[in-house]
Amino acid sequence: MKFASPLTQGTLIKRYKRFLADIRLDDGTEITAHCANPGAMLGLKEAGQRVWLSKSDNPKRKLAYSWELTEADNTIIGINTARPNALVEEAINNGTISELQGYETLRREVKYGKNSRIDMLLSDSDKPDCYVEVKNVHLLRTARLYEFPDSVTARGAKHLAELADMVADGHRAVMVYLIQRDDGDRLRFAAEIDPTYASALAKAHKAGVEAIAYVCRLTPEGIDAYRSVPVEIPLG
């Protein structure tokens, strides 16, 4: 995925109210940008960090700038949680995600379960439907070890239970953990941050829900998923 236009560089002043960030652009201008990330962003919201922003020309937007990337530990990291679905769709279509090949159609945001929407539904006349849920990963506290989640996610645990129901009904269900940084070798689940999610994943996996993780290559020009890493399933 290439960014539609060159990103604007700046320095983070502070992130606050979850969805707002004050940033000093390289020309000295101070602006408030939209932070499309509801998580804790541990280690990624420190004052003085280098950041990159996209800019919208939509006059109806309250905030023209969106925070896309940050630099921490000498690594460029994607913090925009609105990006992963499109990145995963692109990686399915170009063959990068080998586990999700061989389907005729891909639909986004399809209703299922108890008043939920699945991120992607893969369908084919010769096989069961495949329900794909995408999660963004950007936490790394120990060298080379990615972690998810970085904050409590009750909604995430709910989705795991609903995916297990889809498997019970004869379908396929896959969790795709899209990692927006390229400095690790495997993914674990941070039970100390959200024990309910870790437990729900262990239960869902036993029920047949698959879990895969792909790492992104990131530059100020674009982002693309390009390699898989092992997923350490919690013990149930």
C-alpha atoms as a PDB file:
ATOM      1  CA  MET A   1       0.000   0.000   0.000  1.00  0.00           C
ATOM      2  CA  LYS A   2       1.457   3.305  -1.082  1.00  0.00           C
ATOM      3  CA  PHE A   3       0.399   6.466   0.670  1.00  0.00           C
ATOM      4  CA  ALA A   4      -1.699   8.650  -1.622  1.00  0.00           C
ATOM      5  CA  SER A   5       0.622  11.607  -1.151  1.00  0.00           C
ATOM      6  CA  PRO A   6       3.924  12.242   0.654  1.00  0.00           C
ATOM      7  CA  LEU A   7       3.647  12.185   4.433  1.00  0.00           C
ATOM      8  CA  THR A   8       4.382  15.244   6.535  1.00  0.00           C
ATOM      9  CA  GLN A   9       7.073  14.900   9.196  1.00  0.00           C
ATOM     10  CA  GLY A  10       7.017  16.259  12.686  1.00  0.00           C
ATOM     11  CA  THR A  11       7.723  15.705  16.386  1.00  0.00           C
ATOM     12  CA  LEU A  12       5.171  14.464  18.896  1.00  0.00           C
ATOM     13  CA  ILE A  13       4.274  16.894  21.656  1.00  0.00           C
ATOM     14  CA  LYS A  14       1.609  14.754  23.348  1.00  0.00           C
ATOM     15  CA  ARG A  15      -1.192  12.272  22.700  1.00  0.00           C
ATOM     16  CA  TYR A  16      -4.360  12.777  24.723  1.00  0.00           C
ATOM     17  CA  LYS A  17      -8.046  11.839  24.890  1.00  0.00           C
ATOM     18  CA  ARG A  18      -6.976   8.703  22.985  1.00  0.00           C
ATOM     19  CA  PHE A  19      -7.769  10.118  19.548  1.00  0.00           C
ATOM     20  CA  LEU A  20      -5.886  13.417  19.575  1.00  0.00           C
ATOM     21  CA  ALA A  21      -2.196  14.261  19.231  1.00  0.00           C
ATOM     22  CA  ASP A  22      -0.423  17.592  19.272  1.00  0.00           C
ATOM     23  CA  ILE A  23       2.506  17.640  16.874  1.00  0.00           C
ATOM     24  CA  ARG A  24       5.121  20.185  15.898  1.00  0.00           C
ATOM     25  CA  LEU A  25       5.759  20.030  12.162  1.00  0.00           C
ATOM     26  CA  ASP A  26       9.275  20.451  10.824  1.00  0.00           C
ATOM     27  CA  ASP A  27       8.466  24.017   9.744  1.00  0.00           C
ATOM     28  CA  GLY A  28       7.649  24.881  13.367  1.00  0.00           C
ATOM     29  CA  THR A  29       3.872  24.875  12.995  1.00  0.00           C
ATOM     30  CA  GLU A  30       1.974  23.158  15.816  1.00  0.00           C
ATOM     31  CA  ILE A  31      -1.115  21.188  14.783  1.00  0.00           C
ATOM     32  CA  THR A  32      -3.575  18.712  16.291  1.00  0.00           C
ATOM     33  CA  ALA A  33      -3.859  15.419  14.405  1.00  0.00           C
ATOM     34  CA  HIS A  34      -6.328  12.574  14.560  1.00  0.00           C
ATOM     35  CA  CYS A  35      -4.885   9.485  16.265  1.00  0.00           C
ATOM     36  CA  ALA A  36      -6.774   6.477  14.856  1.00  0.00           C
ATOM     37  CA  ASN A  37      -5.745   4.158  17.654  1.00  0.00           C
ATOM     38  CA  PRO A  38      -7.883   3.354  20.725  1.00  0.00           C
ATOM     39  CA  GLY A  39      -5.167   1.287  22.435  1.00  0.00           C
ATOM     40  CA  ALA A  40      -2.608   2.154  25.092  1.00  0.00           C
ATOM     41  CA  MET A  41       0.187   2.653  22.506  1.00  0.00           C
ATOM     42  CA  LEU A  42       2.791   1.614  25.071  1.00  0.00           C
ATOM     43  CA  GLY A  43       6.163   3.106  24.173  1.00  0.00           C
ATOM     44  CA  LEU A  44       4.783   4.800  21.056  1.00  0.00           C
ATOM     45  CA  LYS A  45       3.453   8.081  22.431  1.00  0.00           C
ATOM     46  CA  GLU A  46       6.495   9.614  24.079  1.00  0.00           C
ATOM     47  CA  ALA A  47       7.079  13.343  23.659  1.00  0.00           C
ATOM     48  CA  GLY A  48       9.876  14.000  21.184  1.00  0.00           C
ATOM     49  CA  GLN A  49       9.310  10.927  19.015  1.00  0.00           C
ATOM     50  CA  ARG A  50       9.543  11.363  15.267  1.00  0.00           C
ATOM     51  CA  VAL A  51       6.166  11.026  13.536  1.00  0.00           C
ATOM     52  CA  TRP A  52       4.707  11.056  10.034  1.00  0.00           C
ATOM     53  CA  LEU A  53       1.264  12.357   9.112  1.00  0.00           C
ATOM     54  CA  SER A  54      -1.082  12.057   6.158  1.00  0.00           C
ATOM     55  CA  LYS A  55      -3.221  15.044   5.176  1.00  0.00           C
ATOM     56  CA  SER A  56      -6.774  15.011   3.882  1.00  0.00           C
ATOM     57  CA  ASP A  57      -8.205  17.584   1.503  1.00  0.00           C
ATOM     58  CA  ASN A  58     -11.750  16.844   2.701  1.00  0.00           C
ATOM     59  CA  PRO A  59     -13.136  20.201   3.917  1.00  0.00           C
ATOM     60  CA  LYS A  60     -15.684  18.404   6.140  1.00  0.00           C
ATOM     61  CA  ARG A  61     -12.994  16.882   8.356  1.00  0.00           C
ATOM     62  CA  LYS A  62     -12.393  18.624  11.661  1.00  0.00           C
ATOM     63  CA  LEU A  63      -8.725  17.578  11.648  1.00  0.00           C
ATOM     64  CA  ALA A  64      -6.884  17.565   8.337  1.00  0.00           C
ATOM     65  CA  TYR A  65      -3.940  15.498   9.577  1.00  0.00           C
ATOM     66  CA  SER A  66      -3.892  11.837  10.593  1.00  0.00           C
ATOM     67  CA  TRP A  67      -1.029  10.279  12.536  1.00  0.00           C
ATOM     68  CA  GLU A  68       0.304   7.331  10.494  1.00  0.00           C
ATOM     69  CA  LEU A  69       3.801   6.379  11.668  1.00  0.00           C
ATOM     70  CA  THR A  70       6.075   6.888  14.629  1.00  0.00           C
ATOM     71  CA  GLU A  71       9.723   6.079  15.246  1.00  0.00           C
ATOM     72  CA  ALA A  72      10.696   4.194  18.414  1.00  0.00           C
ATOM     73  CA  ASP A  73      13.701   2.003  19.162  1.00  0.00           C
ATOM     74  CA  ASN A  74      15.139   2.975  15.744  1.00  0.00           C
ATOM     75  CA  THR A  75      12.112   1.347  14.101  1.00  0.00           C
ATOM     76  CA  ILE A  76       9.311   2.878  12.055  1.00  0.00           C
ATOM     77  CA  ILE A  77       5.964   1.685  13.438  1.00  0.00           C
ATOM     78  CA  GLY A  78       2.469   2.050  12.043  1.00  0.00           C
ATOM     79  CA  ILE A  79      -0.027   3.298  14.620  1.00  0.00           C
ATOM     80  CA  ASN A  80      -3.091   3.857  12.429  1.00  0.00           C
ATOM     81  CA  THR A  81      -5.476   0.997  13.246  1.00  0.00           C
ATOM     82  CA  ALA A  82      -7.654   1.919  10.257  1.00  0.00           C
ATOM     83  CA  ARG A  83      -4.966   0.574   7.892  1.00  0.00           C
ATOM     84  CA  PRO A  84      -4.692  -3.190   8.686  1.00  0.00           C
ATOM     85  CA  ASN A  85      -7.879  -4.370   6.934  1.00  0.00           C
ATOM     86  CA  ALA A  86      -6.800  -2.848   3.628  1.00  0.00           C
ATOM     87  CA  LEU A  87      -3.267  -4.158   4.099  1.00  0.00           C
ATOM     88  CA  VAL A  88      -4.514  -7.686   4.730  1.00  0.00           C
ATOM     89  CA  GLU A  89      -6.859  -7.539   1.746  1.00  0.00           C
ATOM     90  CA  GLU A  90      -3.954  -6.424  -0.434  1.00  0.00           C
ATOM     91  CA  ALA A  91      -1.763  -9.245   0.923  1.00  0.00           C
ATOM     92  CA  ILE A  92      -4.470 -11.814   0.205  1.00  0.00           C
ATOM     93  CA  ASN A  93      -4.969 -10.528  -3.325  1.00  0.00           C
ATOM     94  CA  ASN A  94      -1.246 -10.490  -4.166  1.00  0.00           C
ATOM     95  CA  GLY A  95      -0.672 -13.966  -2.712  1.00  0.00           C
ATOM     96  CA  THR A  96       1.450 -12.967   0.277  1.00  0.00           C
ATOM     97  CA  ILE A  97      -0.868 -14.574   2.839  1.00  0.00           C
ATOM     98  CA  SER A  98      -0.606 -18.143   1.593  1.00  0.00           C
ATOM     99  CA  GLU A  99      -3.050 -19.486   4.187  1.00  0.00           C
ATOM    100  CA  LEU A 100      -5.928 -17.522   2.636  1.00  0.00           C
ATOM    101  CA  GLN A 101      -5.549 -18.359  -1.047  1.00  0.00           C
ATOM    102  CA  GLY A 102      -7.947 -20.231  -3.321  1.00  0.00           C
ATOM    103  CA  TYR A 103     -11.189 -18.330  -2.722  1.00  0.00           C
ATOM    104  CA  GLU A 104     -13.300 -16.843  -5.502  1.00  0.00           C
ATOM    105  CA  THR A 105     -14.594 -13.781  -3.680  1.00  0.00           C
ATOM    106  CA  LEU A 106     -13.634 -11.473  -0.814  1.00  0.00           C
ATOM    107  CA  ARG A 107     -16.225  -9.260   0.851  1.00  0.00           C
ATOM    108  CA  ARG A 108     -15.610  -6.700   3.590  1.00  0.00           C
ATOM    109  CA  GLU A 109     -17.728  -5.906   6.657  1.00  0.00           C
ATOM    110  CA  VAL A 110     -20.282  -8.727   6.324  1.00  0.00           C
ATOM    111  CA  LYS A 111     -22.863  -9.139   9.088  1.00  0.00           C
ATOM    112  CA  TYR A 112     -22.637 -12.349  11.119  1.00  0.00           C
ATOM    113  CA  GLY A 113     -23.083 -13.725  14.632  1.00  0.00           C
ATOM    114  CA  LYS A 114     -24.864 -11.620  17.226  1.00  0.00           C
ATOM    115  CA  ASN A 115     -25.026  -8.184  15.644  1.00  0.00           C
ATOM    116  CA  SER A 116     -21.374  -8.253  14.529  1.00  0.00           C
ATOM    117  CA  ARG A 117     -19.525  -7.680  11.273  1.00  0.00           C
ATOM    118  CA  ILE A 118     -16.641  -9.810  10.084  1.00  0.00           C
ATOM    119  CA  ASP A 119     -13.699  -7.920   8.618  1.00  0.00           C
ATOM    120  CA  MET A 120     -13.551 -10.205   5.573  1.00  0.00           C
ATOM    121  CA  LEU A 121     -15.584 -13.118   4.285  1.00  0.00           C
ATOM    122  CA  LEU A 122     -13.847 -15.359   1.755  1.00  0.00           C
ATOM    123  CA  SER A 123     -16.144 -17.554  -0.322  1.00  0.00           C
ATOM    124  CA  ASP A 124     -15.753 -20.287  -2.896  1.00  0.00           C
ATOM    125  CA  SER A 125     -18.208 -22.702  -4.452  1.00  0.00           C
ATOM    126  CA  ASP A 126     -16.000 -25.686  -3.593  1.00  0.00           C
ATOM    127  CA  LYS A 127     -15.252 -25.020   0.096  1.00  0.00           C
ATOM    128  CA  PRO A 128     -16.769 -23.647   3.297  1.00  0.00           C
ATOM    129  CA  ASP A 129     -16.813 -19.884   3.823  1.00  0.00           C
ATOM    130  CA  CYS A 130     -13.798 -18.441   5.632  1.00  0.00           C
ATOM    131  CA  TYR A 131     -14.399 -15.752   8.268  1.00  0.00           C
ATOM    132  CA  VAL A 132     -11.359 -13.503   8.695  1.00  0.00           C
ATOM    133  CA  GLU A 133     -10.899 -11.124  11.624  1.00  0.00           C
ATOM    134  CA  VAL A 134      -7.946  -8.691  11.515  1.00  0.00           C
ATOM    135  CA  LYS A 135      -6.149  -7.233  14.528  1.00  0.00           C
ATOM    136  CA  ASN A 136      -3.435  -4.592  14.570  1.00  0.00           C
ATOM    137  CA  VAL A 137      -0.229  -5.330  16.513  1.00  0.00           C
ATOM    138  CA  HIS A 138       2.474  -2.824  17.430  1.00  0.00           C
ATOM    139  CA  LEU A 139       3.558  -3.724  20.972  1.00  0.00           C
ATOM    140  CA  LEU A 140       7.102  -4.956  21.576  1.00  0.00           C
ATOM    141  CA  ARG A 141       8.462  -4.838  25.141  1.00  0.00           C
ATOM    142  CA  THR A 142      11.032  -7.652  24.913  1.00  0.00           C
ATOM    143  CA  ALA A 143      13.575  -7.864  22.099  1.00  0.00           C
ATOM    144  CA  ARG A 144      12.198  -9.626  19.005  1.00  0.00           C
ATOM    145  CA  LEU A 145       8.874 -10.502  20.733  1.00  0.00           C
ATOM    146  CA  TYR A 146       5.635  -8.997  19.474  1.00  0.00           C
ATOM    147  CA  GLU A 147       2.667  -8.896  21.857  1.00  0.00           C
ATOM    148  CA  PHE A 148      -1.085  -8.458  21.623  1.00  0.00           C
ATOM    149  CA  PRO A 149      -3.124  -6.744  22.968  1.00  0.00           C
ATOM    150  CA  ASP A 150      -1.660  -3.572  24.444  1.00  0.00           C
ATOM    151  CA  SER A 151      -4.852  -2.846  26.426  1.00  0.00           C
ATOM    152  CA  VAL A 152      -8.037  -4.643  27.475  1.00  0.00           C
ATOM    153  CA  THR A 153     -10.265  -5.510  24.510  1.00  0.00           C
ATOM    154  CA  ALA A 154     -13.653  -6.891  25.511  1.00  0.00           C
ATOM    155  CA  ARG A 155     -14.808  -6.604  21.908  1.00  0.00           C
ATOM    156  CA  GLY A 156     -11.919  -8.810  20.796  1.00  0.00           C
ATOM    157  CA  ALA A 157     -12.909 -11.611  23.172  1.00  0.00           C
ATOM    158  CA  LYS A 158     -16.504 -11.399  21.916  1.00  0.00           C
ATOM    159  CA  HIS A 159     -15.343 -11.824  18.322  1.00  0.00           C
ATOM    160  CA  LEU A 160     -13.331 -14.925  19.229  1.00  0.00           C
ATOM    161  CA  ALA A 161     -16.420 -16.585  20.694  1.00  0.00           C
ATOM    162  CA  GLU A 162     -18.416 -15.750  17.577  1.00  0.00           C
ATOM    163  CA  LEU A 163     -15.704 -17.120  15.307  1.00  0.00           C
ATOM    164  CA  ALA A 164     -15.742 -20.364  17.289  1.00  0.00           C
ATOM    165  CA  ASP A 165     -19.488 -20.513  16.624  1.00  0.00           C
ATOM    166  CA  MET A 166     -18.817 -20.194  12.878  1.00  0.00           C
ATOM    167  CA  VAL A 167     -16.414 -23.150  13.038  1.00  0.00           C
ATOM    168  CA  ALA A 168     -19.048 -25.165  14.896  1.00  0.00           C
ATOM    169  CA  ASP A 169     -21.442 -24.386  12.040  1.00  0.00           C
ATOM    170  CA  GLY A 170     -18.999 -25.901   9.535  1.00  0.00           C
ATOM    171  CA  HIS A 171     -17.172 -22.802   8.357  1.00  0.00           C
ATOM    172  CA  ARG A 172     -13.525 -21.784   8.611  1.00  0.00           C
ATOM    173  CA  ALA A 173     -12.391 -18.923  10.866  1.00  0.00           C
ATOM    174  CA  VAL A 174      -8.994 -17.205  10.884  1.00  0.00           C
ATOM    175  CA  MET A 175      -7.534 -14.484  13.090  1.00  0.00           C
ATOM    176  CA  VAL A 176      -4.943 -12.425  11.216  1.00  0.00           C
ATOM    177  CA  TYR A 177      -2.616 -10.409  13.450  1.00  0.00           C
ATOM    178  CA  LEU A 178      -1.136  -7.685  11.255  1.00  0.00           C
ATOM    179  CA  ILE A 179       2.113  -6.425  12.808  1.00  0.00           C
ATOM    180  CA  GLN A 180       2.969  -2.851  11.847  1.00  0.00           C
ATOM    181  CA  ARG A 181       6.649  -2.993  12.756  1.00  0.00           C
ATOM    182  CA  ASP A 182       9.542  -5.110  11.483  1.00  0.00           C
ATOM    183  CA  ASP A 183      11.812  -5.921  14.427  1.00  0.00           C
ATOM    184  CA  GLY A 184      10.496  -9.207  15.854  1.00  0.00           C
ATOM    185  CA  ASP A 185      10.387 -12.945  15.265  1.00  0.00           C
ATOM    186  CA  ARG A 186       7.219 -14.235  16.968  1.00  0.00           C
ATOM    187  CA  LEU A 187       3.921 -13.189  18.521  1.00  0.00           C
ATOM    188  CA  ARG A 188       2.677 -13.915  22.035  1.00  0.00           C
ATOM    189  CA  PHE A 189      -0.518 -12.898  23.814  1.00  0.00           C
ATOM    190  CA  ALA A 190      -0.129 -10.603  26.789  1.00  0.00           C
ATOM    191  CA  ALA A 191      -2.274 -12.381  29.386  1.00  0.00           C
ATOM    192  CA  GLU A 192      -0.950 -10.021  32.051  1.00  0.00           C
ATOM    193  CA  ILE A 193      -2.571  -7.115  30.159  1.00  0.00           C
ATOM    194  CA  ASP A 194      -5.817  -8.850  29.188  1.00  0.00           C
ATOM    195  CA  PRO A 195      -6.255 -12.329  30.701  1.00  0.00           C
ATOM    196  CA  THR A 196      -9.792 -12.584  29.333  1.00  0.00           C
ATOM    197  CA  TYR A 197      -8.597 -12.198  25.754  1.00  0.00           C
ATOM    198  CA  ALA A 198      -5.794 -14.739  26.182  1.00  0.00           C
ATOM    199  CA  SER A 199      -8.235 -17.224  27.680  1.00  0.00           C
ATOM    200  CA  ALA A 200     -10.772 -16.595  24.908  1.00  0.00           C
ATOM    201  CA  LEU A 201      -8.122 -17.159  22.255  1.00  0.00           C
ATOM    202  CA  ALA A 202      -7.010 -20.445  23.832  1.00  0.00           C
ATOM    203  CA  LYS A 203     -10.632 -21.609  23.914  1.00  0.00           C
ATOM    204  CA  ALA A 204     -11.326 -20.474  20.339  1.00  0.00           C
ATOM    205  CA  HIS A 205      -8.178 -22.130  19.044  1.00  0.00           C
ATOM    206  CA  LYS A 206      -9.207 -25.429  20.631  1.00  0.00           C
ATOM    207  CA  ALA A 207     -12.541 -25.010  18.867  1.00  0.00           C
ATOM    208  CA  GLY A 208     -10.775 -24.709  15.506  1.00  0.00           C
ATOM    209  CA  VAL A 209     -10.204 -20.975  15.054  1.00  0.00           C
ATOM    210  CA  GLU A 210      -6.843 -20.448  13.323  1.00  0.00           C
ATOM    211  CA  ALA A 211      -4.362 -17.710  14.247  1.00  0.00           C
ATOM    212  CA  ILE A 212      -1.694 -16.374  11.888  1.00  0.00           C
ATOM    213  CA  ALA A 213       0.578 -13.329  12.042  1.00  0.00           C
ATOM    214  CA  TYR A 214       2.178 -11.271   9.293  1.00  0.00           C
ATOM    215  CA  VAL A 215       4.817  -8.566   9.628  1.00  0.00           C
ATOM    216  CA  CYS A 216       4.799  -5.326   7.657  1.00  0.00           C
ATOM    217  CA  ARG A 217       7.631  -3.517   5.951  1.00  0.00           C
ATOM    218  CA  LEU A 218       7.161   0.211   6.625  1.00  0.00           C
ATOM    219  CA  THR A 219       8.611   3.353   5.078  1.00  0.00           C
ATOM    220  CA  PRO A 220       7.276   6.911   4.809  1.00  0.00           C
ATOM    221  CA  GLU A 221       6.290   5.961   1.258  1.00  0.00           C
ATOM    222  CA  GLY A 222       4.118   2.954   2.069  1.00  0.00           C
ATOM    223  CA  ILE A 223       3.352  -0.205   4.053  1.00  0.00           C
ATOM    224  CA  ASP A 224       3.065  -3.810   2.949  1.00  0.00           C
ATOM    225  CA  ALA A 225       2.765  -7.185   4.680  1.00  0.00           C
ATOM    226  CA  TYR A 226       5.569  -9.448   3.541  1.00  0.00           C
ATOM    227  CA  ARG A 227       6.479 -12.232   6.013  1.00  0.00           C
ATOM    228  CA  SER A 228       4.820 -14.510   8.550  1.00  0.00           C
ATOM    229  CA  VAL A 229       5.970 -15.198  12.109  1.00  0.00           C
ATOM    230  CA  PRO A 230       4.983 -17.980  14.524  1.00  0.00           C
ATOM    231  CA  VAL A 231       2.068 -17.418  16.900  1.00  0.00           C
ATOM    232  CA  GLU A 232       2.354 -18.673  20.473  1.00  0.00           C
ATOM    233  CA  ILE A 233      -1.134 -19.819  21.485  1.00  0.00           C
ATOM    234  CA  PRO A 234      -1.864 -19.406  25.212  1.00  0.00           C
ATOM    235  CA  LEU A 235      -2.436 -22.539  27.252  1.00  0.00           C
ATOM    236  CA  GLY A 236      -6.114 -22.901  28.070  1.00  0.00           C
END
